[in-house]
Amino acid sequence: MHWKIPTLSLAAAALAFELGCARESSSPLSETEKLVAWCIVPFDAAKRGPEERAKMLSDLGIRRCAYDFREEHVPQFEDEILAYQKHGIELFAFWAGHESAYRLFEKYDLHPQIWRTLRSVGEGSQEAKVAAAVDAMEAIAKRTGELGCEFGLYNHGGWGGEPANLVAVCEGLRKRGYDHVGIVYNWHHGHDHIEDWKASLEQMKPYLICLNLNGMNLGAEPKILTLGQGQHEREMLRIVEELGYDGPIGIIDHRNDLDAKIALSQNLEGLQRLRADIRKSASTR
């Protein structure tokens, strides 16, 4: 099957030019491959279906999607896959996991990342909590390994949202032979680690398989904020570049009251400005 290669939007093309993490031998446009749309299915105020959503991503020049869903979307799984194939969109990641989706992954030879929240389980010492969390995640680690999918421990606040605990559980699962396990870190669930972001990223970086961005203010006020409108994401992004993370970057919607295309466009433009500002500051030092 020959997939149509989407035409890059001006915003995405400009963003790709600004991104500087790629090797010098790479085409500037190849950096768009790092961008992943996240939280665009149940949160889209326009209530797009699979075809409209795939076309939207193609129009924006975003070629990867992390698919989040509600029960009402389960019957649409195959339509979503086919729409992505039609428009040249990669099903990069899939939220939580679902047996209906797994059957389709096998049918279409797909191997997306599977993301699931790491929660606090058990009582007692830190060692006991980590062991209980590893036990709780082992079944899905085994199942995703059978499918040839990376498995991402996803921060969503609480004990399981702490970088040190994500790392400890990830290492625990790897010690049991699940080398495909990594960490998916979300800034919109990480406001408690704005001030120690560098140390947190250093801990997680060896295991990080996707980093989802958000505008960042202390106290999560507001929790979901367009990139470039917060007080801290510029410095946090500078640290991302300083420490050399060059993996997938998630651009989120996560707003029930906003058209997903508008939210993604605003975040793309905000990221472009942040990157340019960081480059300019670095050149004047």
Protein backbone atom coordinates (compact mmCIF):
# COMPACT_ATOMS: atom_id res chain seq x y z
CA MET A 1 0.00 0.00 0.00
CA HIS A 2 1.37 3.43 -0.98
CA TRP A 3 0.59 6.11 1.57
CA LYS A 4 0.13 9.71 0.61
CA ILE A 5 2.83 11.92 2.11
CA PRO A 6 1.10 14.91 3.71
CA THR A 7 1.93 18.42 2.61
CA LEU A 8 3.59 20.39 5.40
CA SER A 9 1.75 23.43 6.67
CA LEU A 10 3.75 26.65 6.83
CA ALA A 11 3.74 26.52 10.63
CA ALA A 12 5.03 22.94 10.69
CA ALA A 13 7.65 23.65 8.03
CA ALA A 14 8.91 26.69 9.91
CA LEU A 15 8.96 24.72 13.14
CA ALA A 16 10.90 21.92 11.50
CA PHE A 17 13.50 24.44 10.32
CA GLU A 18 13.92 25.80 13.83
CA LEU A 19 14.32 22.43 15.53
CA GLY A 20 18.03 21.93 16.03
CA CYS A 21 18.36 18.56 17.67
CA ALA A 22 18.76 16.58 14.45
CA ARG A 23 22.11 15.55 13.06
CA GLU A 24 23.51 18.08 10.61
CA SER A 25 23.23 15.53 7.81
CA SER A 26 19.45 15.31 8.24
CA SER A 27 17.00 17.36 6.22
CA PRO A 28 15.42 20.12 8.34
CA LEU A 29 11.99 18.82 7.39
CA SER A 30 12.76 15.40 8.89
CA GLU A 31 12.32 16.94 12.33
CA THR A 32 8.54 16.96 11.85
CA GLU A 33 8.77 13.20 12.36
CA LYS A 34 9.40 13.87 16.07
CA LEU A 35 6.04 15.57 16.60
CA VAL A 36 3.14 13.56 18.02
CA ALA A 37 -0.44 14.80 18.41
CA TRP A 38 -1.90 13.80 21.79
CA CYS A 39 -5.32 14.12 23.48
CA ILE A 40 -7.15 14.98 20.25
CA VAL A 41 -9.93 12.36 20.15
CA PRO A 42 -12.32 12.75 23.14
CA PHE A 43 -11.10 16.31 23.76
CA ASP A 44 -11.84 17.74 20.31
CA ALA A 45 -14.66 20.30 20.48
CA ALA A 46 -15.26 19.73 16.75
CA LYS A 47 -15.98 16.02 17.44
CA ARG A 48 -14.13 14.84 14.33
CA GLY A 49 -14.38 11.28 13.14
CA PRO A 50 -11.43 9.18 11.91
CA GLU A 51 -11.30 10.59 8.36
CA GLU A 52 -11.61 14.22 9.46
CA ARG A 53 -9.02 13.74 12.19
CA ALA A 54 -6.48 12.16 9.85
CA LYS A 55 -6.97 14.93 7.30
CA MET A 56 -6.55 17.56 10.02
CA LEU A 57 -3.20 16.08 11.04
CA SER A 58 -2.10 15.87 7.44
CA ASP A 59 -3.05 19.51 6.87
CA LEU A 60 -1.01 20.54 9.92
CA GLY A 61 2.02 18.52 8.83
CA ILE A 62 1.88 16.29 11.93
CA ARG A 63 2.58 12.73 10.85
CA ARG A 64 2.21 10.89 14.15
CA CYS A 65 -0.75 10.46 16.47
CA ALA A 66 -1.03 9.07 19.99
CA TYR A 67 -4.59 7.79 20.09
CA ASP A 68 -6.72 8.32 23.19
CA PHE A 69 -10.29 7.07 23.27
CA ARG A 70 -13.47 6.48 25.19
CA GLU A 71 -15.76 3.45 24.96
CA GLU A 72 -17.79 5.14 22.23
CA HIS A 73 -14.71 5.14 20.00
CA VAL A 74 -14.01 1.40 20.19
CA PRO A 75 -16.13 0.58 17.09
CA GLN A 76 -14.10 3.19 15.17
CA PHE A 77 -10.67 1.64 15.78
CA GLU A 78 -10.36 0.07 12.35
CA ASP A 79 -11.70 3.16 10.58
CA GLU A 80 -9.07 5.20 12.43
CA ILE A 81 -6.27 2.91 11.25
CA LEU A 82 -7.48 3.00 7.65
CA ALA A 83 -7.83 6.79 7.69
CA TYR A 84 -4.29 7.15 9.01
CA GLN A 85 -2.97 4.89 6.28
CA LYS A 86 -4.84 6.90 3.65
CA HIS A 87 -3.37 10.21 4.85
CA GLY A 88 0.13 9.02 5.76
CA ILE A 89 -0.28 9.28 9.53
CA GLU A 90 1.56 6.90 11.85
CA LEU A 91 -0.39 5.39 14.73
CA PHE A 92 2.49 6.17 17.06
CA ALA A 93 0.92 5.34 20.42
CA PHE A 94 -2.30 3.97 21.87
CA TRP A 95 -3.80 4.83 25.23
CA ALA A 96 -4.18 2.16 27.94
CA GLY A 97 -4.51 -0.82 25.58
CA HIS A 98 -7.55 -2.75 24.37
CA GLU A 99 -7.93 -6.29 23.04
CA SER A 100 -10.00 -5.09 20.08
CA ALA A 101 -7.14 -2.80 19.12
CA TYR A 102 -4.56 -5.55 19.64
CA ARG A 103 -6.33 -7.74 17.09
CA LEU A 104 -6.20 -4.90 14.60
CA PHE A 105 -2.52 -4.28 15.31
CA GLU A 106 -1.84 -7.89 14.37
CA LYS A 107 -4.07 -7.64 11.28
CA TYR A 108 -2.31 -4.53 9.97
CA ASP A 109 1.16 -5.31 11.37
CA LEU A 110 1.20 -2.24 13.63
CA HIS A 111 3.39 -1.79 16.69
CA PRO A 112 2.47 1.47 18.44
CA GLN A 113 3.66 2.40 21.89
CA ILE A 114 1.09 1.51 24.57
CA TRP A 115 0.77 4.11 27.34
CA ARG A 116 -0.70 3.35 30.75
CA THR A 117 -0.82 5.40 33.95
CA LEU A 118 1.49 4.29 36.74
CA ARG A 119 -0.52 4.47 39.94
CA SER A 120 0.35 4.07 43.59
CA VAL A 121 -0.30 0.53 44.77
CA GLY A 122 0.21 -1.09 48.16
CA GLU A 123 1.38 0.29 51.45
CA GLY A 124 4.55 0.19 53.47
CA SER A 125 8.10 0.99 52.48
CA GLN A 126 9.22 2.49 49.21
CA GLU A 127 10.68 -0.88 48.25
CA ALA A 128 7.32 -2.56 48.87
CA LYS A 129 5.46 0.04 46.81
CA VAL A 130 7.84 -0.32 43.88
CA ALA A 131 7.57 -4.12 43.99
CA ALA A 132 3.76 -3.91 44.09
CA ALA A 133 3.73 -1.51 41.14
CA VAL A 134 6.00 -3.78 39.14
CA ASP A 135 3.69 -6.71 39.89
CA ALA A 136 0.65 -4.66 38.83
CA MET A 137 2.24 -3.67 35.51
CA GLU A 138 3.76 -7.01 34.62
CA ALA A 139 0.73 -8.42 32.77
CA ILE A 140 0.53 -5.52 30.33
CA ALA A 141 4.30 -5.48 29.97
CA LYS A 142 4.10 -9.13 28.93
CA ARG A 143 1.20 -8.53 26.53
CA THR A 144 2.79 -5.52 24.84
CA GLY A 145 6.02 -7.44 24.47
CA GLU A 146 4.16 -10.20 22.66
CA LEU A 147 2.76 -7.59 20.28
CA GLY A 148 6.17 -6.04 19.63
CA CYS A 149 5.04 -2.72 21.12
CA GLU A 150 6.97 -0.44 23.45
CA PHE A 151 5.20 0.01 26.78
CA GLY A 152 5.24 3.47 28.36
CA LEU A 153 4.67 4.15 32.06
CA TYR A 154 2.65 7.36 32.02
CA ASN A 155 2.74 10.01 34.78
CA HIS A 156 -0.64 11.23 36.00
CA GLY A 157 0.10 12.69 39.42
CA GLY A 158 0.45 11.03 42.83
CA TRP A 159 3.09 8.47 43.73
CA GLY A 160 3.15 7.09 40.19
CA GLY A 161 3.81 10.54 38.76
CA GLU A 162 7.08 11.03 40.60
CA PRO A 163 10.08 10.73 38.25
CA ALA A 164 12.04 8.62 40.74
CA ASN A 165 9.15 6.16 41.06
CA LEU A 166 8.65 5.95 37.29
CA VAL A 167 12.33 5.12 36.94
CA ALA A 168 12.28 2.56 39.76
CA VAL A 169 9.27 0.70 38.32
CA CYS A 170 10.71 0.85 34.81
CA GLU A 171 13.98 -0.62 36.06
CA GLY A 172 12.09 -3.26 38.03
CA LEU A 173 10.22 -4.41 34.93
CA ARG A 174 13.40 -4.45 32.87
CA LYS A 175 15.07 -6.64 35.48
CA ARG A 176 12.27 -9.13 34.86
CA GLY A 177 13.14 -9.17 31.18
CA TYR A 178 10.77 -6.52 29.81
CA ASP A 179 13.34 -4.41 28.01
CA HIS A 180 10.66 -2.70 25.89
CA VAL A 181 9.35 -0.73 28.90
CA GLY A 182 9.99 3.01 29.06
CA ILE A 183 8.56 6.26 30.41
CA VAL A 184 6.12 8.74 28.86
CA TYR A 185 6.36 12.05 30.71
CA ASN A 186 3.71 14.75 30.55
CA TRP A 187 4.40 18.32 31.52
CA HIS A 188 0.68 18.90 32.14
CA HIS A 189 0.90 16.34 34.97
CA GLY A 190 4.33 17.48 36.11
CA HIS A 191 3.87 20.93 37.63
CA ASP A 192 5.37 19.78 40.94
CA HIS A 193 8.68 19.25 39.13
CA ILE A 194 9.07 22.57 37.38
CA GLU A 195 11.74 23.71 39.81
CA ASP A 196 13.75 20.46 39.72
CA TRP A 197 13.11 19.69 36.05
CA LYS A 198 16.78 19.27 35.16
CA ALA A 199 17.36 16.62 37.84
CA SER A 200 14.07 14.91 36.95
CA LEU A 201 14.90 14.76 33.25
CA GLU A 202 18.40 13.47 33.97
CA GLN A 203 16.82 10.60 35.93
CA MET A 204 14.26 9.72 33.28
CA LYS A 205 16.18 10.36 30.07
CA PRO A 206 17.63 6.83 29.64
CA TYR A 207 14.07 5.46 29.65
CA LEU A 208 12.11 8.31 28.06
CA ILE A 209 10.15 7.24 24.95
CA CYS A 210 7.98 10.36 24.60
CA LEU A 211 7.86 13.82 26.17
CA ASN A 212 4.53 15.66 26.00
CA LEU A 213 4.78 19.45 26.29
CA ASN A 214 2.47 22.09 27.83
CA GLY A 215 2.62 25.70 28.91
CA MET A 216 3.87 25.71 32.50
CA ASN A 217 3.04 27.92 35.49
CA LEU A 218 3.60 27.04 39.13
CA GLY A 219 0.49 25.67 40.78
CA ALA A 220 -0.90 24.46 37.46
CA GLU A 221 -2.79 27.71 36.95
CA PRO A 222 -4.15 26.88 34.45
CA LYS A 223 -3.33 23.20 34.10
CA ILE A 224 -3.59 23.13 30.29
CA LEU A 225 -1.85 26.10 28.72
CA THR A 226 -0.62 26.90 25.20
CA LEU A 227 3.12 26.62 24.71
CA GLY A 228 4.77 30.01 25.01
CA GLN A 229 2.11 31.45 27.30
CA GLY A 230 3.54 30.08 30.54
CA GLN A 231 6.38 31.28 32.74
CA HIS A 232 8.57 28.19 32.80
CA GLU A 233 8.38 26.11 29.60
CA ARG A 234 11.08 28.14 27.83
CA GLU A 235 13.66 27.25 30.49
CA MET A 236 12.37 23.68 30.70
CA LEU A 237 12.70 23.31 26.94
CA ARG A 238 16.20 24.77 27.06
CA ILE A 239 17.09 22.04 29.56
CA VAL A 240 15.60 19.41 27.23
CA GLU A 241 17.99 20.58 24.53
CA GLU A 242 20.93 20.95 26.93
CA LEU A 243 20.56 17.35 28.10
CA GLY A 244 20.25 16.11 24.54
CA TYR A 245 16.83 14.52 24.52
CA ASP A 246 16.00 14.08 20.84
CA GLY A 247 13.11 11.62 20.98
CA PRO A 248 9.41 12.06 20.20
CA ILE A 249 7.73 15.30 21.29
CA GLY A 250 4.01 15.37 22.04
CA ILE A 251 1.86 18.40 21.16
CA ILE A 252 -1.44 18.28 23.07
CA ASP A 253 -5.01 19.48 22.73
CA HIS A 254 -6.70 18.28 25.96
CA ARG A 255 -9.35 21.03 25.85
CA ASN A 256 -12.99 20.07 25.59
CA ASP A 257 -13.97 23.60 24.61
CA LEU A 258 -11.50 24.09 21.76
CA ASP A 259 -11.25 22.72 18.23
CA ALA A 260 -8.27 20.34 18.22
CA LYS A 261 -6.89 21.93 15.06
CA ILE A 262 -6.79 25.33 16.75
CA ALA A 263 -5.15 23.92 19.89
CA LEU A 264 -2.50 22.04 17.91
CA SER A 265 -1.82 25.04 15.65
CA GLN A 266 -1.38 27.36 18.63
CA ASN A 267 1.02 24.93 20.30
CA LEU A 268 3.02 24.45 17.10
CA GLU A 269 3.38 28.21 16.75
CA GLY A 270 4.29 28.54 20.44
CA LEU A 271 6.94 25.85 20.15
CA GLN A 272 8.37 27.55 17.08
CA ARG A 273 8.71 30.83 18.97
CA LEU A 274 10.25 29.14 22.00
CA ARG A 275 12.83 27.34 19.89
CA ALA A 276 13.73 30.55 18.07
CA ASP A 277 14.06 32.42 21.37
CA ILE A 278 16.31 29.71 22.82
CA ARG A 279 18.52 29.80 19.71
CA LYS A 280 18.74 33.58 19.84
CA SER A 281 19.67 33.56 23.54
CA ALA A 282 22.31 30.89 22.99
CA SER A 283 23.89 32.85 20.14
CA THR A 284 24.33 35.97 22.28
CA ARG A 285 26.08 34.26 25.18
